[in-house]
Amino acid sequence: MVLKRIFTAIGVAAAAFALSLSAASPAAAVPVDAPTPVKSRIEAAAAPDTAAEPRTCRARFAENVNHRLRAEAGSAILGSIPAGTWVQASCTRVAGGEYSACGLSSDFWMEVYWKGNWGHGAWGCVQDWEYTS
C-alpha cells in the first residue's frame, strides 16, 4: 500500500512537470516580425484595420512604367503604362526582383491590370494609390 502511494505521487508530480513544460508563455507564442525598410514614397501605406471585406484598388504612376509579366526587372514587357494613367491594381505590394526606377531602388512591385492583362509595375514609381471599394 505504501509503494502504491509513492508511485501515485511520483506519477502526479511527473504529469504536473510535463504540463508545465508544454505550456508556452504568451510572449514566446507570438512571432516577432522584422520591420520592412521604407524605400519609396508610399510603401508605408497600409490597409485600415477595419478592412474585413475584399477591397479593390487603383493606382497611377509618376512616370511611364513597363508593365511586366513577373515581378522582376528582366521579365517580359507586356506594354508601357503612361504616366498619370489610373489602372486597376492589387491592394497590396508584392516582393520580387530588385530594380531602380523613378529615382528609387526597391524590390516591391504592384500587380496591375493594363490592356487586358494582369502584370506588375514598379512600386517605387506609384504616384497615387487608393481604394475603390
N, C-alpha and C. Protein backbone atom coordinates (compact mmCIF):
# COMPACT_ATOMS: atom_id res chain seq x y z
N MET A 1 0.82 -1.20 0.00
CA MET A 1 0.00 0.00 0.00
C MET A 1 0.87 1.27 0.00
N VAL A 2 1.96 1.26 0.71
CA VAL A 2 2.85 2.42 0.76
C VAL A 2 3.49 2.64 -0.60
N LEU A 3 3.91 1.56 -1.26
CA LEU A 3 4.50 1.69 -2.60
C LEU A 3 3.50 2.26 -3.60
N LYS A 4 2.24 1.87 -3.48
CA LYS A 4 1.22 2.39 -4.37
C LYS A 4 1.09 3.90 -4.22
N ARG A 5 1.12 4.40 -2.98
CA ARG A 5 1.03 5.85 -2.73
C ARG A 5 2.26 6.57 -3.26
N ILE A 6 3.42 5.97 -3.13
CA ILE A 6 4.66 6.60 -3.60
C ILE A 6 4.63 6.70 -5.12
N PHE A 7 4.24 5.59 -5.80
CA PHE A 7 4.20 5.62 -7.27
C PHE A 7 3.11 6.57 -7.79
N THR A 8 1.99 6.68 -7.06
CA THR A 8 0.94 7.62 -7.45
C THR A 8 1.46 9.06 -7.33
N ALA A 9 2.14 9.35 -6.24
CA ALA A 9 2.70 10.69 -6.02
C ALA A 9 3.73 11.02 -7.10
N ILE A 10 4.56 10.05 -7.45
CA ILE A 10 5.57 10.26 -8.50
C ILE A 10 4.88 10.52 -9.84
N GLY A 11 3.83 9.77 -10.13
CA GLY A 11 3.09 9.95 -11.38
C GLY A 11 2.44 11.31 -11.47
N VAL A 12 1.84 11.77 -10.37
CA VAL A 12 1.20 13.09 -10.35
C VAL A 12 2.24 14.18 -10.53
N ALA A 13 3.38 14.05 -9.87
CA ALA A 13 4.44 15.05 -9.98
C ALA A 13 4.99 15.08 -11.41
N ALA A 14 5.16 13.91 -12.02
CA ALA A 14 5.67 13.86 -13.40
C ALA A 14 4.68 14.48 -14.37
N ALA A 15 3.39 14.23 -14.19
CA ALA A 15 2.37 14.82 -15.06
C ALA A 15 2.35 16.34 -14.92
N ALA A 16 2.45 16.84 -13.69
CA ALA A 16 2.46 18.29 -13.47
C ALA A 16 3.70 18.92 -14.11
N PHE A 17 4.84 18.25 -14.00
CA PHE A 17 6.06 18.76 -14.60
C PHE A 17 5.94 18.78 -16.13
N ALA A 18 5.40 17.72 -16.71
CA ALA A 18 5.24 17.66 -18.17
C ALA A 18 4.29 18.75 -18.66
N LEU A 19 3.22 19.02 -17.95
CA LEU A 19 2.30 20.08 -18.33
C LEU A 19 2.95 21.45 -18.25
N SER A 20 3.79 21.65 -17.24
CA SER A 20 4.44 22.96 -17.11
C SER A 20 5.42 23.19 -18.25
N LEU A 21 6.03 22.13 -18.77
CA LEU A 21 6.95 22.29 -19.90
C LEU A 21 6.21 22.52 -21.21
N SER A 22 5.02 21.95 -21.36
CA SER A 22 4.29 22.09 -22.62
C SER A 22 3.55 23.41 -22.74
N ALA A 23 3.29 24.09 -21.64
CA ALA A 23 2.59 25.38 -21.69
C ALA A 23 3.58 26.46 -22.06
N ALA A 24 3.36 27.11 -23.22
CA ALA A 24 4.25 28.19 -23.67
C ALA A 24 3.80 29.50 -23.06
N SER A 25 4.75 30.34 -22.78
CA SER A 25 4.40 31.66 -22.27
C SER A 25 3.82 32.47 -23.42
N PRO A 26 2.92 33.45 -23.15
CA PRO A 26 2.31 34.25 -24.22
C PRO A 26 3.35 34.99 -25.05
N ALA A 27 4.44 35.45 -24.44
CA ALA A 27 5.45 36.19 -25.19
C ALA A 27 6.17 35.27 -26.17
N ALA A 28 6.37 34.01 -25.81
CA ALA A 28 7.08 33.10 -26.70
C ALA A 28 6.19 32.63 -27.85
N ALA A 29 4.87 32.69 -27.68
CA ALA A 29 3.96 32.19 -28.70
C ALA A 29 3.78 33.17 -29.86
N VAL A 30 4.10 34.44 -29.68
CA VAL A 30 3.88 35.45 -30.72
C VAL A 30 5.17 35.65 -31.50
N PRO A 31 5.18 35.37 -32.82
CA PRO A 31 6.39 35.60 -33.60
C PRO A 31 6.68 37.08 -33.75
N VAL A 32 7.92 37.42 -33.81
CA VAL A 32 8.33 38.81 -33.95
C VAL A 32 8.66 39.05 -35.42
N ASP A 33 8.01 40.04 -36.04
CA ASP A 33 8.27 40.37 -37.43
C ASP A 33 9.29 41.50 -37.49
N ALA A 34 10.23 41.34 -38.38
CA ALA A 34 11.21 42.40 -38.58
C ALA A 34 10.54 43.54 -39.34
N PRO A 35 10.87 44.78 -39.03
CA PRO A 35 10.26 45.90 -39.76
C PRO A 35 10.70 45.91 -41.22
N THR A 36 9.81 46.36 -42.08
CA THR A 36 10.10 46.47 -43.50
C THR A 36 10.80 47.80 -43.75
N PRO A 37 11.97 47.78 -44.38
CA PRO A 37 12.63 49.06 -44.67
C PRO A 37 11.82 49.86 -45.69
N VAL A 38 11.70 51.15 -45.44
CA VAL A 38 10.95 52.01 -46.35
C VAL A 38 11.89 52.48 -47.44
N LYS A 39 11.49 52.22 -48.71
CA LYS A 39 12.33 52.59 -49.84
C LYS A 39 11.65 53.56 -50.78
N SER A 40 10.33 53.71 -50.67
CA SER A 40 9.65 54.61 -51.60
C SER A 40 8.65 55.48 -50.85
N ARG A 41 8.00 56.35 -51.61
CA ARG A 41 7.08 57.31 -51.03
C ARG A 41 5.86 56.66 -50.40
N ILE A 42 5.37 55.57 -50.94
CA ILE A 42 4.09 55.05 -50.48
C ILE A 42 4.17 53.65 -49.87
N GLU A 43 5.35 53.10 -49.71
CA GLU A 43 5.44 51.76 -49.16
C GLU A 43 4.86 51.65 -47.76
N ALA A 44 4.80 52.76 -47.05
CA ALA A 44 4.26 52.73 -45.69
C ALA A 44 2.74 52.69 -45.68
N ALA A 45 2.10 52.88 -46.84
CA ALA A 45 0.64 52.85 -46.91
C ALA A 45 0.14 51.46 -46.58
N ALA A 46 -0.84 51.38 -45.70
CA ALA A 46 -1.35 50.07 -45.28
C ALA A 46 -2.87 50.10 -45.28
N ALA A 47 -3.45 48.92 -45.37
CA ALA A 47 -4.90 48.80 -45.33
C ALA A 47 -5.40 49.12 -43.93
N PRO A 48 -6.55 49.75 -43.82
CA PRO A 48 -7.10 50.01 -42.49
C PRO A 48 -7.38 48.70 -41.78
N ASP A 49 -7.27 48.71 -40.45
CA ASP A 49 -7.52 47.50 -39.66
C ASP A 49 -8.96 47.04 -39.80
N THR A 50 -9.86 47.92 -40.15
CA THR A 50 -11.28 47.57 -40.23
C THR A 50 -11.66 46.95 -41.57
N ALA A 51 -10.69 46.79 -42.48
CA ALA A 51 -11.00 46.26 -43.81
C ALA A 51 -11.22 44.75 -43.73
N ALA A 52 -12.44 44.32 -43.46
CA ALA A 52 -12.75 42.90 -43.33
C ALA A 52 -13.21 42.31 -44.67
N GLU A 53 -13.82 43.10 -45.52
CA GLU A 53 -14.31 42.61 -46.80
C GLU A 53 -13.24 42.80 -47.87
N PRO A 54 -13.33 42.04 -48.98
CA PRO A 54 -12.35 42.21 -50.06
C PRO A 54 -12.39 43.65 -50.60
N ARG A 55 -11.22 44.16 -50.92
CA ARG A 55 -11.11 45.53 -51.42
C ARG A 55 -10.60 45.52 -52.85
N THR A 56 -10.92 46.57 -53.58
CA THR A 56 -10.34 46.79 -54.89
C THR A 56 -9.62 48.13 -54.85
N CYS A 57 -8.59 48.25 -55.66
CA CYS A 57 -7.77 49.46 -55.63
C CYS A 57 -7.43 49.91 -57.04
N ARG A 58 -6.89 51.11 -57.11
CA ARG A 58 -6.36 51.63 -58.37
C ARG A 58 -5.11 52.43 -58.05
N ALA A 59 -4.27 52.60 -59.07
CA ALA A 59 -3.01 53.31 -58.89
C ALA A 59 -2.68 54.06 -60.16
N ARG A 60 -1.84 55.06 -60.02
CA ARG A 60 -1.28 55.73 -61.20
C ARG A 60 0.19 56.00 -60.91
N PHE A 61 0.96 56.01 -61.97
CA PHE A 61 2.41 56.10 -61.86
C PHE A 61 2.90 57.50 -62.20
N ALA A 62 3.99 57.92 -61.57
CA ALA A 62 4.56 59.25 -61.78
C ALA A 62 5.24 59.35 -63.15
N GLU A 63 5.76 58.24 -63.65
CA GLU A 63 6.45 58.20 -64.94
C GLU A 63 5.91 57.02 -65.74
N ASN A 64 6.22 56.99 -67.05
CA ASN A 64 5.87 55.81 -67.84
C ASN A 64 6.54 54.60 -67.19
N VAL A 65 5.77 53.51 -67.04
CA VAL A 65 6.27 52.32 -66.35
C VAL A 65 6.06 51.11 -67.24
N ASN A 66 7.06 50.23 -67.29
CA ASN A 66 6.90 48.98 -68.01
C ASN A 66 5.93 48.08 -67.27
N HIS A 67 4.99 47.52 -67.99
CA HIS A 67 4.03 46.56 -67.46
C HIS A 67 4.66 45.19 -67.70
N ARG A 68 5.16 44.55 -66.63
CA ARG A 68 5.93 43.31 -66.77
C ARG A 68 5.11 42.09 -66.40
N LEU A 69 5.44 40.97 -67.02
CA LEU A 69 4.75 39.72 -66.77
C LEU A 69 4.96 39.26 -65.33
N ARG A 70 6.17 39.34 -64.83
CA ARG A 70 6.50 38.93 -63.46
C ARG A 70 7.10 40.11 -62.69
N ALA A 71 7.22 39.95 -61.41
CA ALA A 71 7.77 41.00 -60.55
C ALA A 71 9.30 40.94 -60.55
N GLU A 72 9.86 41.08 -61.75
CA GLU A 72 11.31 41.05 -61.93
C GLU A 72 11.70 42.03 -63.02
N ALA A 73 12.82 42.71 -62.84
CA ALA A 73 13.25 43.71 -63.81
C ALA A 73 13.54 43.10 -65.18
N GLY A 74 13.94 41.84 -65.25
CA GLY A 74 14.25 41.21 -66.52
C GLY A 74 13.08 40.45 -67.13
N SER A 75 11.91 40.55 -66.54
CA SER A 75 10.73 39.83 -67.03
C SER A 75 10.23 40.44 -68.34
N ALA A 76 9.47 39.65 -69.08
CA ALA A 76 8.90 40.11 -70.35
C ALA A 76 8.03 41.35 -70.15
N ILE A 77 8.15 42.31 -71.06
CA ILE A 77 7.37 43.54 -71.01
C ILE A 77 6.08 43.33 -71.80
N LEU A 78 4.94 43.52 -71.12
CA LEU A 78 3.63 43.39 -71.76
C LEU A 78 3.20 44.67 -72.44
N GLY A 79 3.75 45.78 -72.03
CA GLY A 79 3.40 47.09 -72.57
C GLY A 79 3.99 48.17 -71.70
N SER A 80 3.61 49.40 -71.98
CA SER A 80 4.06 50.54 -71.19
C SER A 80 2.84 51.30 -70.69
N ILE A 81 2.80 51.55 -69.38
CA ILE A 81 1.69 52.30 -68.79
C ILE A 81 2.09 53.77 -68.75
N PRO A 82 1.34 54.64 -69.44
CA PRO A 82 1.69 56.06 -69.47
C PRO A 82 1.58 56.72 -68.08
N ALA A 83 2.43 57.67 -67.84
CA ALA A 83 2.41 58.41 -66.57
C ALA A 83 1.04 59.05 -66.37
N GLY A 84 0.54 59.02 -65.15
CA GLY A 84 -0.71 59.67 -64.81
C GLY A 84 -1.97 58.89 -65.14
N THR A 85 -1.83 57.70 -65.74
CA THR A 85 -3.00 56.88 -66.11
C THR A 85 -3.41 56.02 -64.93
N TRP A 86 -4.69 56.10 -64.54
CA TRP A 86 -5.20 55.25 -63.47
C TRP A 86 -5.39 53.84 -64.01
N VAL A 87 -4.90 52.84 -63.26
CA VAL A 87 -5.06 51.44 -63.64
C VAL A 87 -5.60 50.66 -62.44
N GLN A 88 -6.36 49.60 -62.73
CA GLN A 88 -6.81 48.71 -61.67
C GLN A 88 -5.57 48.05 -61.09
N ALA A 89 -5.53 47.91 -59.76
CA ALA A 89 -4.33 47.38 -59.11
C ALA A 89 -4.70 46.53 -57.91
N SER A 90 -3.75 45.72 -57.49
CA SER A 90 -3.94 44.97 -56.26
C SER A 90 -3.87 45.95 -55.09
N CYS A 91 -4.37 45.55 -53.96
CA CYS A 91 -4.35 46.43 -52.79
C CYS A 91 -3.15 46.17 -51.90
N THR A 92 -2.26 45.31 -52.35
CA THR A 92 -1.04 45.03 -51.59
C THR A 92 0.15 45.03 -52.54
N ARG A 93 1.31 45.22 -51.99
CA ARG A 93 2.52 45.13 -52.79
C ARG A 93 3.04 43.70 -52.72
N VAL A 94 3.85 43.33 -53.69
CA VAL A 94 4.46 42.00 -53.70
C VAL A 94 5.97 42.15 -53.81
N ALA A 95 6.67 41.25 -53.17
CA ALA A 95 8.14 41.26 -53.24
C ALA A 95 8.57 40.57 -54.52
N GLY A 96 9.63 41.06 -55.10
CA GLY A 96 10.15 40.48 -56.33
C GLY A 96 11.61 40.86 -56.51
N GLY A 97 12.01 40.98 -57.75
CA GLY A 97 13.38 41.33 -58.06
C GLY A 97 13.68 42.80 -57.82
N GLU A 98 14.91 43.09 -57.50
CA GLU A 98 15.38 44.46 -57.23
C GLU A 98 15.41 45.26 -58.54
N TYR A 99 15.04 46.53 -58.48
CA TYR A 99 15.09 47.41 -59.64
C TYR A 99 15.40 48.82 -59.18
N SER A 100 15.79 49.66 -60.12
CA SER A 100 15.96 51.10 -59.89
C SER A 100 15.09 51.80 -60.92
N ALA A 101 14.15 52.60 -60.44
CA ALA A 101 13.25 53.32 -61.34
C ALA A 101 12.71 54.54 -60.60
N CYS A 102 12.40 55.57 -61.32
CA CYS A 102 11.82 56.79 -60.76
C CYS A 102 12.68 57.37 -59.64
N GLY A 103 13.98 57.19 -59.75
CA GLY A 103 14.91 57.74 -58.77
C GLY A 103 15.01 56.94 -57.48
N LEU A 104 14.40 55.76 -57.44
CA LEU A 104 14.42 54.93 -56.24
C LEU A 104 14.85 53.51 -56.56
N SER A 105 15.33 52.80 -55.55
CA SER A 105 15.61 51.37 -55.67
C SER A 105 14.66 50.63 -54.75
N SER A 106 14.14 49.53 -55.21
CA SER A 106 13.20 48.76 -54.40
C SER A 106 13.13 47.33 -54.94
N ASP A 107 12.51 46.46 -54.18
CA ASP A 107 12.21 45.11 -54.66
C ASP A 107 10.72 44.83 -54.50
N PHE A 108 9.93 45.91 -54.33
CA PHE A 108 8.48 45.78 -54.23
C PHE A 108 7.83 46.18 -55.55
N TRP A 109 6.79 45.42 -55.88
CA TRP A 109 6.05 45.62 -57.12
C TRP A 109 4.57 45.69 -56.81
N MET A 110 3.79 46.24 -57.76
CA MET A 110 2.34 46.27 -57.62
C MET A 110 1.75 45.50 -58.80
N GLU A 111 0.82 44.60 -58.49
CA GLU A 111 0.11 43.90 -59.55
C GLU A 111 -0.89 44.88 -60.16
N VAL A 112 -0.85 45.02 -61.48
CA VAL A 112 -1.73 45.96 -62.16
C VAL A 112 -2.38 45.31 -63.37
N TYR A 113 -3.57 45.80 -63.71
CA TYR A 113 -4.31 45.32 -64.87
C TYR A 113 -4.25 46.40 -65.93
N TRP A 114 -3.66 46.07 -67.08
CA TRP A 114 -3.49 47.04 -68.15
C TRP A 114 -3.71 46.37 -69.49
N LYS A 115 -4.60 46.92 -70.28
CA LYS A 115 -4.90 46.43 -71.63
C LYS A 115 -5.17 44.93 -71.66
N GLY A 116 -6.03 44.48 -70.74
CA GLY A 116 -6.49 43.09 -70.75
C GLY A 116 -5.58 42.08 -70.08
N ASN A 117 -4.50 42.53 -69.45
CA ASN A 117 -3.57 41.59 -68.81
C ASN A 117 -3.20 42.04 -67.40
N TRP A 118 -3.09 41.08 -66.50
CA TRP A 118 -2.52 41.34 -65.18
C TRP A 118 -1.01 41.20 -65.29
N GLY A 119 -0.31 42.12 -64.70
CA GLY A 119 1.16 42.08 -64.69
C GLY A 119 1.65 42.85 -63.49
N HIS A 120 2.86 43.38 -63.59
CA HIS A 120 3.47 44.09 -62.46
C HIS A 120 4.08 45.41 -62.91
N GLY A 121 3.95 46.41 -62.05
CA GLY A 121 4.57 47.71 -62.26
C GLY A 121 5.45 48.04 -61.06
N ALA A 122 6.45 48.85 -61.27
CA ALA A 122 7.39 49.21 -60.20
C ALA A 122 6.68 50.01 -59.10
N TRP A 123 6.67 49.48 -57.90
CA TRP A 123 6.02 50.12 -56.75
C TRP A 123 6.64 51.48 -56.45
N GLY A 124 7.92 51.63 -56.65
CA GLY A 124 8.60 52.89 -56.37
C GLY A 124 8.16 54.03 -57.29
N CYS A 125 7.47 53.71 -58.38
CA CYS A 125 7.01 54.74 -59.32
C CYS A 125 5.54 55.12 -59.09
N VAL A 126 4.89 54.51 -58.12
CA VAL A 126 3.48 54.82 -57.87
C VAL A 126 3.36 56.24 -57.33
N GLN A 127 2.56 57.04 -58.01
CA GLN A 127 2.33 58.43 -57.59
C GLN A 127 1.16 58.49 -56.63
N ASP A 128 0.05 57.83 -56.98
CA ASP A 128 -1.16 57.80 -56.16
C ASP A 128 -1.68 56.38 -56.11
N TRP A 129 -2.29 56.04 -55.00
CA TRP A 129 -2.84 54.69 -54.81
C TRP A 129 -4.03 54.85 -53.89
N GLU A 130 -5.16 54.21 -54.23
CA GLU A 130 -6.34 54.38 -53.39
C GLU A 130 -7.28 53.19 -53.52
N TYR A 131 -8.10 53.02 -52.48
CA TYR A 131 -9.15 52.01 -52.51
C TYR A 131 -10.30 52.50 -53.37
N THR A 132 -10.87 51.61 -54.17
CA THR A 132 -12.04 51.99 -54.97
C THR A 132 -13.32 51.39 -54.40
N SER A 133 -13.19 50.43 -53.50
CA SER A 133 -14.35 49.88 -52.81
C SER A 133 -13.93 49.31 -51.48
